[in-house]
Every structure is written in structure tokens, then in C-alpha cells.
């Protein structure tokens, strides 16, 4: 019996998966919460290992499946070789093992190339921004915590001050205060 399998990918834990494949009747869903730039995606690998001849793999959009044209083509060709249909909803593309539609293949290659191009441009801009920030001597990454404040924070808390009050007085964030309270010299 053939199944409808959904593959969903979001880039981070905080992103909403609900809008992807909303309204599509699925027998199974595989969800990765990590960057599409990496090919090492456990749920995608599990999904590709599970699918069987006659199944249909549903993906919200092409960039959810792969960010490089090479990966996209490899994933789709591997899936088709197993006798599985691939339906990419946003681009309205349907790939079937028994019908290689030249128009669909061309659209996949064009859209895959654009997704890869978009990823390259984004990475390039990110590197430019980091370089400019370093030139301006701006701090990169998370703010550093001055652990010498541990005793002060501990004393303020022991005197009954709230974490928010301590954070406000010391011009720090509440999470920084909690880290200072947990700090063991």
C-alpha cells in the first residue's frame, strides 16, 4: 500500500513548521530543524531510507529539500530510482519514476540553481558584514560575562533583590544574572 510521506525542514528550533504542507494528508512526517546548507540531515536520511515504491514524497518547497543543485538532483534521482513520486508543492512540480517531463526537469534545475545562488549571495553578505564589524572592532558573538561580578550578584540576591532588579542595576540581561548565580569559582 502506497503512502504519502512529508519532509519538512526549518532552519532553527524557533521556526514554525505548521505552514509547511498544511492541508496535505500525510501518512508520515519527517522533520529536520537545522540548516539546509548541510547534507547531513538525520530525518531526511531516515525518510529516504523508509520510502518505498509507489509512495509519494511531499515537500513544501525546493529549498526545504536542498540548497545546492547537486544535492537536489541527487535526492530526486535517488528517490525516483526507488519508484517514489516527488511532489514539490510551492513550485507545483511533480516528478514520477515513469515520466521524465523535460519541462519539470528544467524547472527543477533552474529553481535549484537560483536556490544555490541565493545561498551563495547570503553567505557572501554575511562574510562581508563580519569583516566590516571586525574592522570596526565590534564584538562578535555572544556578549562576554564579567564573572568577577559573581559575589556582587550573589549578595544582591541574598538581600532579596529580584533577578530583574539586579539585571537593571548592573546593566546586564536576566540570563547573564542567572549564569552569574550558577557560576562556581
N, C-alpha and C. Protein backbone atom coordinates (compact mmCIF):
# COMPACT_ATOMS: atom_id res chain seq x y z
N UNK A 1 0.85 -1.18 0.00
CA UNK A 1 0.00 0.00 0.00
C UNK A 1 0.89 1.24 0.00
N UNK A 2 0.65 2.14 -0.93
CA UNK A 2 1.48 3.34 -1.03
C UNK A 2 1.10 4.36 0.03
N UNK A 3 2.10 5.13 0.44
CA UNK A 3 1.91 6.13 1.48
C UNK A 3 2.29 7.51 0.97
N UNK A 4 1.76 8.52 1.64
CA UNK A 4 2.13 9.91 1.39
C UNK A 4 3.02 10.34 2.55
N UNK A 5 4.28 10.63 2.21
CA UNK A 5 5.29 10.95 3.20
C UNK A 5 5.65 12.43 3.06
N UNK A 6 5.72 13.14 4.18
CA UNK A 6 6.08 14.55 4.15
C UNK A 6 7.47 14.78 4.73
N UNK A 7 8.25 15.59 4.04
CA UNK A 7 9.54 16.02 4.60
C UNK A 7 9.46 17.52 4.83
N UNK A 8 9.74 17.92 6.06
CA UNK A 8 9.66 19.33 6.47
C UNK A 8 11.01 19.71 7.07
N UNK A 9 11.50 20.89 6.67
CA UNK A 9 12.75 21.38 7.25
C UNK A 9 12.61 22.85 7.59
N UNK A 10 13.01 23.19 8.80
CA UNK A 10 13.13 24.59 9.21
C UNK A 10 14.57 24.79 9.67
N UNK A 11 15.02 26.03 9.61
CA UNK A 11 16.43 26.31 9.91
C UNK A 11 16.74 26.37 11.40
N UNK A 12 15.73 26.59 12.23
CA UNK A 12 16.01 26.68 13.66
C UNK A 12 14.82 26.19 14.46
N UNK A 13 15.07 25.93 15.74
CA UNK A 13 14.04 25.44 16.65
C UNK A 13 12.84 26.37 16.74
N UNK A 14 13.08 27.68 16.65
CA UNK A 14 12.01 28.64 16.84
C UNK A 14 11.08 28.81 15.65
N UNK A 15 11.46 28.29 14.49
CA UNK A 15 10.62 28.48 13.31
C UNK A 15 9.41 27.56 13.34
N UNK A 16 8.34 28.03 12.73
CA UNK A 16 7.07 27.32 12.73
C UNK A 16 7.01 26.33 11.57
N UNK A 17 6.72 25.07 11.89
CA UNK A 17 6.61 24.05 10.84
C UNK A 17 5.18 23.92 10.32
N UNK A 18 4.23 24.58 10.98
CA UNK A 18 2.81 24.38 10.66
C UNK A 18 2.46 24.79 9.23
N UNK A 19 3.10 25.81 8.69
CA UNK A 19 2.71 26.28 7.36
C UNK A 19 3.20 25.37 6.25
N UNK A 20 4.20 24.54 6.53
CA UNK A 20 4.71 23.64 5.52
C UNK A 20 3.79 22.42 5.40
N UNK A 21 3.34 22.16 4.20
CA UNK A 21 2.47 21.03 3.87
C UNK A 21 1.14 21.08 4.62
N UNK A 22 0.73 22.28 4.98
CA UNK A 22 -0.56 22.47 5.64
C UNK A 22 -1.68 22.01 4.70
N UNK A 23 -2.54 21.16 5.18
CA UNK A 23 -3.67 20.68 4.38
C UNK A 23 -3.37 19.45 3.54
N UNK A 24 -2.12 19.00 3.51
CA UNK A 24 -1.76 17.80 2.75
C UNK A 24 -1.94 16.59 3.67
N UNK A 25 -2.72 15.62 3.23
CA UNK A 25 -2.95 14.40 4.01
C UNK A 25 -1.70 13.53 3.94
N UNK A 26 -1.05 13.36 5.06
CA UNK A 26 0.20 12.60 5.12
C UNK A 26 0.05 11.39 6.04
N UNK A 27 0.70 10.30 5.65
CA UNK A 27 0.74 9.12 6.50
C UNK A 27 1.90 9.20 7.50
N UNK A 28 2.98 9.88 7.09
CA UNK A 28 4.16 10.06 7.94
C UNK A 28 4.76 11.42 7.66
N UNK A 29 5.42 11.98 8.70
CA UNK A 29 6.15 13.24 8.53
C UNK A 29 7.53 13.09 9.13
N UNK A 30 8.50 13.63 8.42
CA UNK A 30 9.88 13.68 8.91
C UNK A 30 10.26 15.16 9.00
N UNK A 31 10.77 15.58 10.15
CA UNK A 31 11.03 17.00 10.38
C UNK A 31 12.47 17.20 10.85
N UNK A 32 13.21 18.01 10.09
CA UNK A 32 14.55 18.41 10.50
C UNK A 32 14.50 19.86 10.92
N UNK A 33 15.20 20.18 12.00
CA UNK A 33 15.29 21.56 12.47
C UNK A 33 16.74 21.98 12.44
N UNK A 34 17.24 22.19 11.23
CA UNK A 34 18.61 22.63 11.03
C UNK A 34 18.79 23.17 9.62
N UNK A 35 19.93 23.74 9.37
CA UNK A 35 20.20 24.41 8.10
C UNK A 35 20.12 23.45 6.92
N UNK A 36 19.59 23.94 5.82
CA UNK A 36 19.55 23.16 4.59
C UNK A 36 20.88 23.15 3.88
N UNK A 37 21.81 23.96 4.36
CA UNK A 37 23.13 24.04 3.71
C UNK A 37 23.92 22.76 3.92
N UNK A 38 23.60 22.04 4.97
CA UNK A 38 24.29 20.78 5.24
C UNK A 38 23.50 19.62 4.65
N UNK A 39 24.20 18.66 4.13
CA UNK A 39 23.53 17.47 3.58
C UNK A 39 23.27 16.46 4.70
N UNK A 40 23.95 16.60 5.82
CA UNK A 40 23.78 15.69 6.95
C UNK A 40 22.52 16.09 7.72
N UNK A 41 21.39 15.53 7.29
CA UNK A 41 20.12 15.80 7.96
C UNK A 41 19.49 14.46 8.35
N UNK A 42 19.49 14.13 9.63
CA UNK A 42 19.06 12.81 10.09
C UNK A 42 17.65 12.42 9.65
N UNK A 43 16.70 13.34 9.75
CA UNK A 43 15.33 13.00 9.39
C UNK A 43 15.16 12.80 7.88
N UNK A 44 15.89 13.57 7.08
CA UNK A 44 15.85 13.36 5.63
C UNK A 44 16.42 11.99 5.30
N UNK A 45 17.53 11.63 5.92
CA UNK A 45 18.14 10.32 5.67
C UNK A 45 17.18 9.20 6.08
N UNK A 46 16.52 9.37 7.22
CA UNK A 46 15.56 8.37 7.68
C UNK A 46 14.38 8.27 6.71
N UNK A 47 13.92 9.43 6.25
CA UNK A 47 12.82 9.47 5.28
C UNK A 47 13.19 8.74 4.00
N UNK A 48 14.38 9.04 3.47
CA UNK A 48 14.82 8.43 2.22
C UNK A 48 15.03 6.93 2.38
N UNK A 49 15.41 6.49 3.57
CA UNK A 49 15.57 5.05 3.83
C UNK A 49 14.20 4.37 3.93
N UNK A 50 13.20 5.08 4.40
CA UNK A 50 11.87 4.50 4.63
C UNK A 50 11.03 4.38 3.36
N UNK A 51 11.07 5.38 2.49
CA UNK A 51 10.16 5.41 1.34
C UNK A 51 10.30 4.17 0.47
N UNK A 52 9.13 3.76 -0.09
CA UNK A 52 9.09 2.55 -0.91
C UNK A 52 8.40 2.84 -2.24
N UNK A 53 8.57 1.92 -3.16
CA UNK A 53 7.98 2.03 -4.49
C UNK A 53 6.48 2.33 -4.36
N UNK A 54 6.04 3.34 -5.11
CA UNK A 54 4.63 3.72 -5.11
C UNK A 54 4.29 4.85 -4.15
N UNK A 55 5.18 5.12 -3.18
CA UNK A 55 4.95 6.22 -2.24
C UNK A 55 5.11 7.56 -2.95
N UNK A 56 4.61 8.61 -2.31
CA UNK A 56 4.81 9.97 -2.79
C UNK A 56 5.47 10.77 -1.67
N UNK A 57 6.59 11.38 -2.01
CA UNK A 57 7.29 12.26 -1.06
C UNK A 57 6.82 13.68 -1.31
N UNK A 58 6.25 14.30 -0.29
CA UNK A 58 5.76 15.68 -0.38
C UNK A 58 6.74 16.61 0.31
N UNK A 59 7.10 17.70 -0.38
CA UNK A 59 7.99 18.71 0.18
C UNK A 59 7.35 20.06 -0.09
N UNK A 60 7.36 20.94 0.91
CA UNK A 60 6.73 22.26 0.77
C UNK A 60 7.35 23.05 -0.37
N UNK A 61 8.67 23.18 -0.35
CA UNK A 61 9.37 23.99 -1.37
C UNK A 61 10.73 23.36 -1.64
N UNK A 62 11.26 23.64 -2.80
CA UNK A 62 12.51 23.05 -3.22
C UNK A 62 13.65 23.36 -2.25
N UNK A 63 13.69 24.59 -1.74
CA UNK A 63 14.80 24.95 -0.84
C UNK A 63 14.68 24.27 0.52
N UNK A 64 13.56 23.65 0.82
CA UNK A 64 13.42 22.87 2.04
C UNK A 64 14.11 21.52 1.88
N UNK A 65 14.20 21.06 0.63
CA UNK A 65 14.81 19.76 0.34
C UNK A 65 16.33 19.88 0.20
N UNK A 66 16.79 20.92 -0.50
CA UNK A 66 18.23 21.08 -0.72
C UNK A 66 18.53 22.53 -1.06
N UNK A 67 19.75 22.96 -0.73
CA UNK A 67 20.20 24.31 -1.05
C UNK A 67 21.24 24.33 -2.15
N UNK A 68 21.68 23.14 -2.58
CA UNK A 68 22.61 23.10 -3.71
C UNK A 68 21.96 22.29 -4.82
N UNK A 69 22.24 22.67 -6.03
CA UNK A 69 21.66 21.99 -7.18
C UNK A 69 22.10 20.53 -7.21
N UNK A 70 23.36 20.29 -6.88
CA UNK A 70 23.87 18.91 -6.88
C UNK A 70 23.08 18.04 -5.91
N UNK A 71 22.88 18.52 -4.67
CA UNK A 71 22.13 17.75 -3.68
C UNK A 71 20.68 17.54 -4.13
N UNK A 72 20.07 18.59 -4.68
CA UNK A 72 18.68 18.50 -5.12
C UNK A 72 18.52 17.41 -6.18
N UNK A 73 19.37 17.45 -7.19
CA UNK A 73 19.29 16.46 -8.27
C UNK A 73 19.55 15.05 -7.72
N UNK A 74 20.55 14.93 -6.85
CA UNK A 74 20.88 13.62 -6.28
C UNK A 74 19.71 13.05 -5.47
N UNK A 75 19.10 13.89 -4.64
CA UNK A 75 17.99 13.43 -3.81
C UNK A 75 16.81 13.01 -4.68
N UNK A 76 16.47 13.83 -5.66
CA UNK A 76 15.33 13.50 -6.51
C UNK A 76 15.61 12.26 -7.36
N UNK A 77 16.80 12.16 -7.94
CA UNK A 77 17.13 10.99 -8.76
C UNK A 77 17.13 9.70 -7.92
N UNK A 78 17.67 9.77 -6.71
CA UNK A 78 17.68 8.61 -5.82
C UNK A 78 16.26 8.19 -5.47
N UNK A 79 15.42 9.18 -5.21
CA UNK A 79 14.03 8.90 -4.85
C UNK A 79 13.28 8.28 -6.03
N UNK A 80 13.45 8.85 -7.20
CA UNK A 80 12.79 8.32 -8.39
C UNK A 80 13.27 6.90 -8.71
N UNK A 81 14.56 6.63 -8.49
CA UNK A 81 15.11 5.30 -8.75
C UNK A 81 14.47 4.24 -7.85
N UNK A 82 13.97 4.67 -6.68
CA UNK A 82 13.28 3.75 -5.78
C UNK A 82 11.82 3.56 -6.17
N UNK A 83 11.38 4.26 -7.22
CA UNK A 83 9.99 4.14 -7.66
C UNK A 83 9.04 5.05 -6.90
N UNK A 84 9.58 6.12 -6.32
CA UNK A 84 8.80 7.04 -5.49
C UNK A 84 8.55 8.34 -6.25
N UNK A 85 7.33 8.86 -6.17
CA UNK A 85 6.99 10.16 -6.74
C UNK A 85 7.48 11.25 -5.80
N UNK A 86 7.82 12.42 -6.36
CA UNK A 86 8.22 13.57 -5.55
C UNK A 86 7.33 14.74 -5.95
N UNK A 87 6.59 15.27 -4.98
CA UNK A 87 5.72 16.42 -5.22
C UNK A 87 6.25 17.61 -4.42
N UNK A 88 6.71 18.64 -5.14
CA UNK A 88 7.18 19.87 -4.51
C UNK A 88 6.08 20.90 -4.68
N UNK A 89 5.42 21.24 -3.59
CA UNK A 89 4.16 21.99 -3.64
C UNK A 89 4.29 23.45 -4.06
N UNK A 90 5.18 24.21 -3.48
CA UNK A 90 5.26 25.64 -3.79
C UNK A 90 5.52 25.88 -5.27
N UNK A 91 6.44 25.10 -5.83
CA UNK A 91 6.78 25.26 -7.25
C UNK A 91 5.85 24.44 -8.15
N UNK A 92 4.94 23.67 -7.54
CA UNK A 92 3.97 22.84 -8.24
C UNK A 92 4.66 21.90 -9.24
N UNK A 93 5.67 21.19 -8.74
CA UNK A 93 6.40 20.24 -9.57
C UNK A 93 6.11 18.82 -9.08
N UNK A 94 5.84 17.93 -10.03
CA UNK A 94 5.61 16.52 -9.71
C UNK A 94 6.57 15.69 -10.55
N UNK A 95 7.41 14.94 -9.87
CA UNK A 95 8.34 14.03 -10.54
C UNK A 95 7.85 12.62 -10.31
N UNK A 96 7.75 11.86 -11.40
CA UNK A 96 7.33 10.47 -11.29
C UNK A 96 8.38 9.59 -11.95
N UNK A 97 8.57 8.38 -11.43
CA UNK A 97 9.60 7.49 -11.97
C UNK A 97 9.37 7.10 -13.43
N UNK A 98 8.10 7.03 -13.84
CA UNK A 98 7.78 6.56 -15.18
C UNK A 98 7.63 7.68 -16.21
N UNK A 99 7.73 8.94 -15.77
CA UNK A 99 7.54 10.04 -16.71
C UNK A 99 8.54 11.14 -16.41
N UNK A 100 9.54 11.26 -17.25
CA UNK A 100 10.50 12.34 -17.08
C UNK A 100 10.09 13.48 -17.99
N UNK A 101 9.36 14.39 -17.43
CA UNK A 101 8.86 15.55 -18.17
C UNK A 101 10.01 16.57 -18.31
N UNK A 102 10.44 16.87 -19.54
CA UNK A 102 11.57 17.80 -19.72
C UNK A 102 11.29 19.17 -19.11
N UNK A 103 10.04 19.63 -19.15
CA UNK A 103 9.69 20.93 -18.58
C UNK A 103 9.89 20.92 -17.07
N UNK A 104 9.42 19.87 -16.41
CA UNK A 104 9.56 19.75 -14.96
C UNK A 104 11.03 19.67 -14.57
N UNK A 105 11.81 18.89 -15.32
CA UNK A 105 13.24 18.76 -15.04
C UNK A 105 13.94 20.10 -15.20
N UNK A 106 13.61 20.84 -16.25
CA UNK A 106 14.22 22.14 -16.48
C UNK A 106 13.86 23.11 -15.34
N UNK A 107 12.60 23.11 -14.92
CA UNK A 107 12.17 24.00 -13.83
C UNK A 107 12.91 23.65 -12.54
N UNK A 108 13.06 22.36 -12.27
CA UNK A 108 13.79 21.94 -11.07
C UNK A 108 15.23 22.45 -11.13
N UNK A 109 15.87 22.30 -12.28
CA UNK A 109 17.26 22.73 -12.40
C UNK A 109 17.39 24.25 -12.28
N UNK A 110 16.48 24.97 -12.90
CA UNK A 110 16.53 26.44 -12.80
C UNK A 110 16.29 26.91 -11.37
N UNK A 111 15.22 26.39 -10.77
CA UNK A 111 14.90 26.81 -9.41
C UNK A 111 15.97 26.36 -8.41
N UNK A 112 16.53 25.17 -8.63
CA UNK A 112 17.61 24.69 -7.78
C UNK A 112 18.85 25.56 -7.91
N UNK A 113 19.13 26.00 -9.14
CA UNK A 113 20.28 26.88 -9.36
C UNK A 113 20.05 28.22 -8.66
N UNK A 114 18.81 28.74 -8.71
CA UNK A 114 18.51 30.00 -8.02
C UNK A 114 18.63 29.84 -6.51
N UNK A 115 18.19 28.72 -5.97
CA UNK A 115 18.31 28.49 -4.51
C UNK A 115 19.78 28.45 -4.11
N UNK A 116 20.61 27.79 -4.92
CA UNK A 116 22.04 27.73 -4.64
C UNK A 116 22.66 29.12 -4.75
N UNK A 117 22.26 29.89 -5.76
CA UNK A 117 22.75 31.25 -5.94
C UNK A 117 22.37 32.12 -4.75
N UNK A 118 21.12 32.03 -4.32
CA UNK A 118 20.64 32.80 -3.17
C UNK A 118 21.45 32.46 -1.92
N UNK A 119 21.75 31.19 -1.72
CA UNK A 119 22.53 30.76 -0.57
C UNK A 119 23.95 31.35 -0.63
N UNK A 120 24.56 31.34 -1.84
CA UNK A 120 25.91 31.90 -2.00
C UNK A 120 25.93 33.38 -1.72
N UNK A 121 24.94 34.11 -2.24
CA UNK A 121 24.86 35.56 -2.03
C UNK A 121 24.69 35.85 -0.54
N UNK A 122 23.83 35.08 0.11
CA UNK A 122 23.59 35.28 1.54
C UNK A 122 24.87 35.06 2.35
N UNK A 123 25.60 33.99 2.03
CA UNK A 123 26.85 33.71 2.73
C UNK A 123 27.87 34.81 2.46
N UNK A 124 27.91 35.30 1.22
CA UNK A 124 28.85 36.36 0.86
C UNK A 124 28.55 37.63 1.66
N UNK A 125 27.28 37.98 1.75
CA UNK A 125 26.90 39.17 2.53
C UNK A 125 27.23 39.00 4.00
N UNK A 126 27.02 37.79 4.50
CA UNK A 126 27.33 37.51 5.90
C UNK A 126 28.83 37.71 6.15
N UNK A 127 29.66 37.18 5.27
CA UNK A 127 31.12 37.33 5.42
C UNK A 127 31.54 38.79 5.32
N UNK A 128 30.91 39.54 4.41
CA UNK A 128 31.21 40.98 4.29
C UNK A 128 30.86 41.70 5.58
N UNK A 129 29.70 41.39 6.14
CA UNK A 129 29.27 42.02 7.39
C UNK A 129 30.20 41.71 8.54
N UNK A 130 30.64 40.47 8.62
CA UNK A 130 31.57 40.07 9.68
C UNK A 130 32.89 40.81 9.52
N UNK A 131 33.39 40.89 8.29
CA UNK A 131 34.65 41.59 8.03
C UNK A 131 34.55 43.07 8.41
N UNK A 132 33.44 43.73 8.06
CA UNK A 132 33.25 45.14 8.41
C UNK A 132 33.17 45.32 9.92
N UNK A 133 32.47 44.41 10.59
CA UNK A 133 32.36 44.50 12.05
C UNK A 133 33.74 44.35 12.71
N UNK A 134 34.54 43.43 12.19
CA UNK A 134 35.89 43.23 12.75
C UNK A 134 36.75 44.46 12.50
N UNK A 135 36.61 45.08 11.32
CA UNK A 135 37.36 46.31 11.02
C UNK A 135 37.01 47.41 12.01
N UNK A 136 35.76 47.45 12.44
CA UNK A 136 35.29 48.48 13.38
C UNK A 136 35.52 48.07 14.83
N UNK A 137 36.22 46.96 15.02
CA UNK A 137 36.48 46.43 16.37
C UNK A 137 35.21 46.15 17.15
N UNK A 138 34.17 45.72 16.47
CA UNK A 138 32.93 45.35 17.15
C UNK A 138 33.04 43.93 17.67
N UNK A 139 32.43 43.71 18.79
CA UNK A 139 32.45 42.38 19.41
C UNK A 139 31.62 41.42 18.57
N UNK A 140 32.16 40.24 18.31
CA UNK A 140 31.46 39.22 17.55
C UNK A 140 30.98 38.14 18.50
N UNK A 141 29.78 37.66 18.27
CA UNK A 141 29.25 36.56 19.08
C UNK A 141 28.51 37.06 20.31
N UNK A 142 28.32 36.15 21.23
CA UNK A 142 27.60 36.47 22.46
C UNK A 142 28.38 37.47 23.31
N UNK A 143 27.67 38.28 24.08
CA UNK A 143 28.38 39.20 24.97
C UNK A 143 29.14 38.42 26.04
N UNK A 144 30.29 38.94 26.40
CA UNK A 144 31.07 38.27 27.44
C UNK A 144 30.51 38.66 28.81
N UNK A 145 30.64 37.74 29.72
CA UNK A 145 30.14 37.98 31.08
C UNK A 145 31.34 38.19 31.99
N UNK A 146 31.28 39.24 32.80
CA UNK A 146 32.33 39.54 33.77
C UNK A 146 32.06 38.72 35.03
N UNK A 147 32.72 37.57 35.12
CA UNK A 147 32.47 36.67 36.23
C UNK A 147 32.96 37.21 37.57
N UNK A 148 33.70 38.32 37.56
CA UNK A 148 34.12 38.92 38.83
C UNK A 148 32.91 39.51 39.57
N UNK A 149 31.79 39.65 38.86
CA UNK A 149 30.56 40.17 39.48
C UNK A 149 29.79 39.09 40.24
N UNK A 150 30.29 37.87 40.22
CA UNK A 150 29.60 36.75 40.86
C UNK A 150 29.23 37.05 42.31
N UNK A 151 30.21 37.50 43.10
CA UNK A 151 29.96 37.76 44.53
C UNK A 151 28.96 38.88 44.72
N UNK A 152 29.06 39.94 43.89
CA UNK A 152 28.12 41.08 43.99
C UNK A 152 26.70 40.61 43.71
N UNK A 153 26.54 39.84 42.64
CA UNK A 153 25.21 39.35 42.26
C UNK A 153 24.65 38.43 43.34
N UNK A 154 25.50 37.55 43.86
CA UNK A 154 25.08 36.61 44.91
C UNK A 154 24.61 37.38 46.16
N UNK A 155 25.34 38.42 46.52
CA UNK A 155 24.99 39.24 47.68
C UNK A 155 23.66 39.97 47.45
N UNK A 156 23.51 40.56 46.26
CA UNK A 156 22.27 41.29 45.94
C UNK A 156 21.07 40.34 46.00
N UNK A 157 21.24 39.11 45.50
CA UNK A 157 20.16 38.13 45.50
C UNK A 157 19.84 37.72 46.94
N UNK A 158 20.88 37.52 47.76
CA UNK A 158 20.70 37.13 49.16
C UNK A 158 19.98 38.22 49.95
N UNK A 159 20.15 39.48 49.51
CA UNK A 159 19.47 40.60 50.17
C UNK A 159 18.02 40.73 49.71
N UNK A 160 17.58 39.83 48.82
CA UNK A 160 16.18 39.82 48.43
C UNK A 160 15.85 40.51 47.11
N UNK A 161 16.87 40.96 46.40
CA UNK A 161 16.60 41.61 45.11
C UNK A 161 16.18 40.57 44.07
N UNK A 162 15.30 40.99 43.18
CA UNK A 162 14.88 40.09 42.10
C UNK A 162 15.97 40.06 41.03
N UNK A 163 15.92 39.03 40.21
CA UNK A 163 16.88 38.91 39.12
C UNK A 163 16.75 40.11 38.18
N UNK A 164 15.52 40.50 37.92
CA UNK A 164 15.30 41.67 37.04
C UNK A 164 15.88 42.94 37.65
N UNK A 165 15.71 43.09 38.95
CA UNK A 165 16.25 44.26 39.64
C UNK A 165 17.77 44.29 39.58
N UNK A 166 18.38 43.14 39.81
CA UNK A 166 19.84 43.04 39.75
C UNK A 166 20.31 43.36 38.33
N UNK A 167 19.63 42.77 37.34
CA UNK A 167 20.00 42.99 35.94
C UNK A 167 19.93 44.47 35.60
N UNK A 168 18.87 45.13 36.07
CA UNK A 168 18.71 46.55 35.78
C UNK A 168 19.80 47.37 36.44
N UNK A 169 20.08 47.08 37.71
CA UNK A 169 21.11 47.82 38.44
C UNK A 169 22.51 47.66 37.82
N UNK A 170 22.79 46.46 37.32
CA UNK A 170 24.13 46.18 36.78
C UNK A 170 24.20 46.33 35.26
N UNK A 171 23.07 46.72 34.66
CA UNK A 171 23.00 46.90 33.21
C UNK A 171 23.39 45.61 32.46
N UNK A 172 22.80 44.50 32.93
CA UNK A 172 23.02 43.19 32.32
C UNK A 172 21.66 42.57 32.00
N UNK A 173 21.69 41.48 31.26
CA UNK A 173 20.44 40.77 30.96
C UNK A 173 20.14 39.79 32.08
N UNK A 174 18.87 39.41 32.20
CA UNK A 174 18.47 38.43 33.20
C UNK A 174 19.21 37.09 33.00
N UNK A 175 19.35 36.59 31.76
CA UNK A 175 20.10 35.34 31.59
C UNK A 175 21.55 35.46 32.08
N UNK A 176 22.16 36.63 31.94
CA UNK A 176 23.53 36.82 32.44
C UNK A 176 23.54 36.73 33.97
N UNK A 177 22.53 37.27 34.61
CA UNK A 177 22.45 37.19 36.08
C UNK A 177 22.31 35.74 36.52
N UNK A 178 21.45 34.98 35.83
CA UNK A 178 21.29 33.56 36.16
C UNK A 178 22.62 32.81 35.99
N UNK A 179 23.37 33.13 34.93
CA UNK A 179 24.67 32.48 34.73
C UNK A 179 25.63 32.83 35.86
N UNK A 180 25.61 34.08 36.27
CA UNK A 180 26.47 34.50 37.38
C UNK A 180 26.09 33.81 38.67
N UNK A 181 24.80 33.62 38.90
CA UNK A 181 24.35 32.94 40.12
C UNK A 181 24.75 31.46 40.11
N UNK A 182 24.79 30.84 38.93
CA UNK A 182 25.17 29.43 38.82
C UNK A 182 26.68 29.23 38.79
N UNK A 183 27.42 30.31 38.60
CA UNK A 183 28.88 30.21 38.43
C UNK A 183 29.56 29.71 39.69
N UNK A 184 30.38 28.69 39.53
CA UNK A 184 31.18 28.15 40.65
C UNK A 184 32.63 28.52 40.40
N UNK A 185 33.17 29.34 41.25
CA UNK A 185 34.54 29.84 41.07
C UNK A 185 35.46 28.70 41.06
